[in-house]
Amino acid sequence: MNGQNRKDIYPGLEVDVILKKDQRSGKRTRGIVQSLLTSSAFHSRGIKVHLEDGQVGRVIEIVEV
């Protein structure tokens, strides 16, 4: 499942994100969502989230549902 819809993402969910520094390479980082930073219901490049380890990125794929 992709990470473009805010309703599909919630704290505690395991996701793959792309960090700002990795946008060119497309390198994914896996983590647990701590909070959602995008307020709109949909974002074409993925909902921006704050992970439990402190990193911030856009959700590319939801690992666990």
C-alpha atoms as a PDB file:
ATOM      1  CA  MET A   1       0.000   0.000   0.000  1.00  0.00           C
ATOM      2  CA  ASN A   2       1.335   3.440  -0.874  1.00  0.00           C
ATOM      3  CA  GLY A   3       1.603   6.311   1.585  1.00  0.00           C
ATOM      4  CA  GLN A   4      -0.344   8.999  -0.263  1.00  0.00           C
ATOM      5  CA  ASN A   5      -3.537   8.935   1.843  1.00  0.00           C
ATOM      6  CA  ARG A   6      -3.403  10.356   5.369  1.00  0.00           C
ATOM      7  CA  LYS A   7      -6.262   8.111   6.562  1.00  0.00           C
ATOM      8  CA  ASP A   8      -4.083   4.995   6.009  1.00  0.00           C
ATOM      9  CA  ILE A   9      -1.235   6.203   8.257  1.00  0.00           C
ATOM     10  CA  TYR A  10      -1.241   6.364  12.052  1.00  0.00           C
ATOM     11  CA  PRO A  11       1.253   6.355  14.959  1.00  0.00           C
ATOM     12  CA  GLY A  12       2.778   2.921  15.598  1.00  0.00           C
ATOM     13  CA  LEU A  13       2.580   1.833  11.942  1.00  0.00           C
ATOM     14  CA  GLU A  14       5.704   0.368  10.303  1.00  0.00           C
ATOM     15  CA  VAL A  15       6.512   2.185   7.052  1.00  0.00           C
ATOM     16  CA  ASP A  16       9.221   2.740   4.444  1.00  0.00           C
ATOM     17  CA  VAL A  17      10.077   6.410   3.913  1.00  0.00           C
ATOM     18  CA  ILE A  18      12.425   8.430   1.746  1.00  0.00           C
ATOM     19  CA  LEU A  19      14.382  11.000   3.719  1.00  0.00           C
ATOM     20  CA  LYS A  20      15.084  14.437   2.208  1.00  0.00           C
ATOM     21  CA  LYS A  21      18.799  13.607   1.822  1.00  0.00           C
ATOM     22  CA  ASP A  22      17.932  10.375  -0.041  1.00  0.00           C
ATOM     23  CA  GLN A  23      15.450  11.812  -2.554  1.00  0.00           C
ATOM     24  CA  ARG A  24      17.925  11.658  -5.456  1.00  0.00           C
ATOM     25  CA  SER A  25      19.044   8.078  -4.788  1.00  0.00           C
ATOM     26  CA  GLY A  26      15.611   6.775  -3.737  1.00  0.00           C
ATOM     27  CA  LYS A  27      17.105   4.955  -0.733  1.00  0.00           C
ATOM     28  CA  ARG A  28      14.369   3.787   1.628  1.00  0.00           C
ATOM     29  CA  THR A  29      14.467   3.915   5.406  1.00  0.00           C
ATOM     30  CA  ARG A  30      12.201   1.698   7.528  1.00  0.00           C
ATOM     31  CA  GLY A  31      10.736   2.961  10.766  1.00  0.00           C
ATOM     32  CA  ILE A  32       7.746   3.312  13.074  1.00  0.00           C
ATOM     33  CA  VAL A  33       5.505   6.387  12.712  1.00  0.00           C
ATOM     34  CA  GLN A  34       5.537   8.681  15.750  1.00  0.00           C
ATOM     35  CA  SER A  35       3.443  11.507  14.271  1.00  0.00           C
ATOM     36  CA  LEU A  36       2.067  12.794  10.969  1.00  0.00           C
ATOM     37  CA  LEU A  37       3.376  16.115   9.678  1.00  0.00           C
ATOM     38  CA  THR A  38       1.238  16.507   6.526  1.00  0.00           C
ATOM     39  CA  SER A  39      -2.166  17.984   7.337  1.00  0.00           C
ATOM     40  CA  SER A  40      -3.855  17.430   3.954  1.00  0.00           C
ATOM     41  CA  ALA A  41      -5.825  14.222   3.277  1.00  0.00           C
ATOM     42  CA  PHE A  42      -3.712  13.339   0.193  1.00  0.00           C
ATOM     43  CA  HIS A  43      -0.186  14.119  -1.003  1.00  0.00           C
ATOM     44  CA  SER A  44       1.116  12.930  -4.383  1.00  0.00           C
ATOM     45  CA  ARG A  45       4.690  12.341  -3.123  1.00  0.00           C
ATOM     46  CA  GLY A  46       3.637  10.700   0.136  1.00  0.00           C
ATOM     47  CA  ILE A  47       2.523  11.836   3.576  1.00  0.00           C
ATOM     48  CA  LYS A  48       5.373  13.364   5.587  1.00  0.00           C
ATOM     49  CA  VAL A  49       5.906  11.657   8.953  1.00  0.00           C
ATOM     50  CA  HIS A  50       8.150  11.881  12.004  1.00  0.00           C
ATOM     51  CA  LEU A  51       9.593   8.461  12.890  1.00  0.00           C
ATOM     52  CA  GLU A  52      10.220   7.223  16.443  1.00  0.00           C
ATOM     53  CA  ASP A  53      13.998   7.473  15.885  1.00  0.00           C
ATOM     54  CA  GLY A  54      13.669  11.210  15.109  1.00  0.00           C
ATOM     55  CA  GLN A  55      13.995  11.085  11.320  1.00  0.00           C
ATOM     56  CA  VAL A  56      11.506  12.813   9.003  1.00  0.00           C
ATOM     57  CA  GLY A  57      10.511  11.541   5.574  1.00  0.00           C
ATOM     58  CA  ARG A  58       7.709  10.883   3.106  1.00  0.00           C
ATOM     59  CA  VAL A  59       5.933   7.522   3.265  1.00  0.00           C
ATOM     60  CA  ILE A  60       6.595   5.429   0.158  1.00  0.00           C
ATOM     61  CA  GLU A  61       5.096   2.149   1.341  1.00  0.00           C
ATOM     62  CA  ILE A  62       3.190   0.839   4.332  1.00  0.00           C
ATOM     63  CA  VAL A  63       4.887  -2.333   5.587  1.00  0.00           C
ATOM     64  CA  GLU A  64       2.419  -3.464   8.237  1.00  0.00           C
ATOM     65  CA  VAL A  65      -1.357  -2.922   8.193  1.00  0.00           C
END
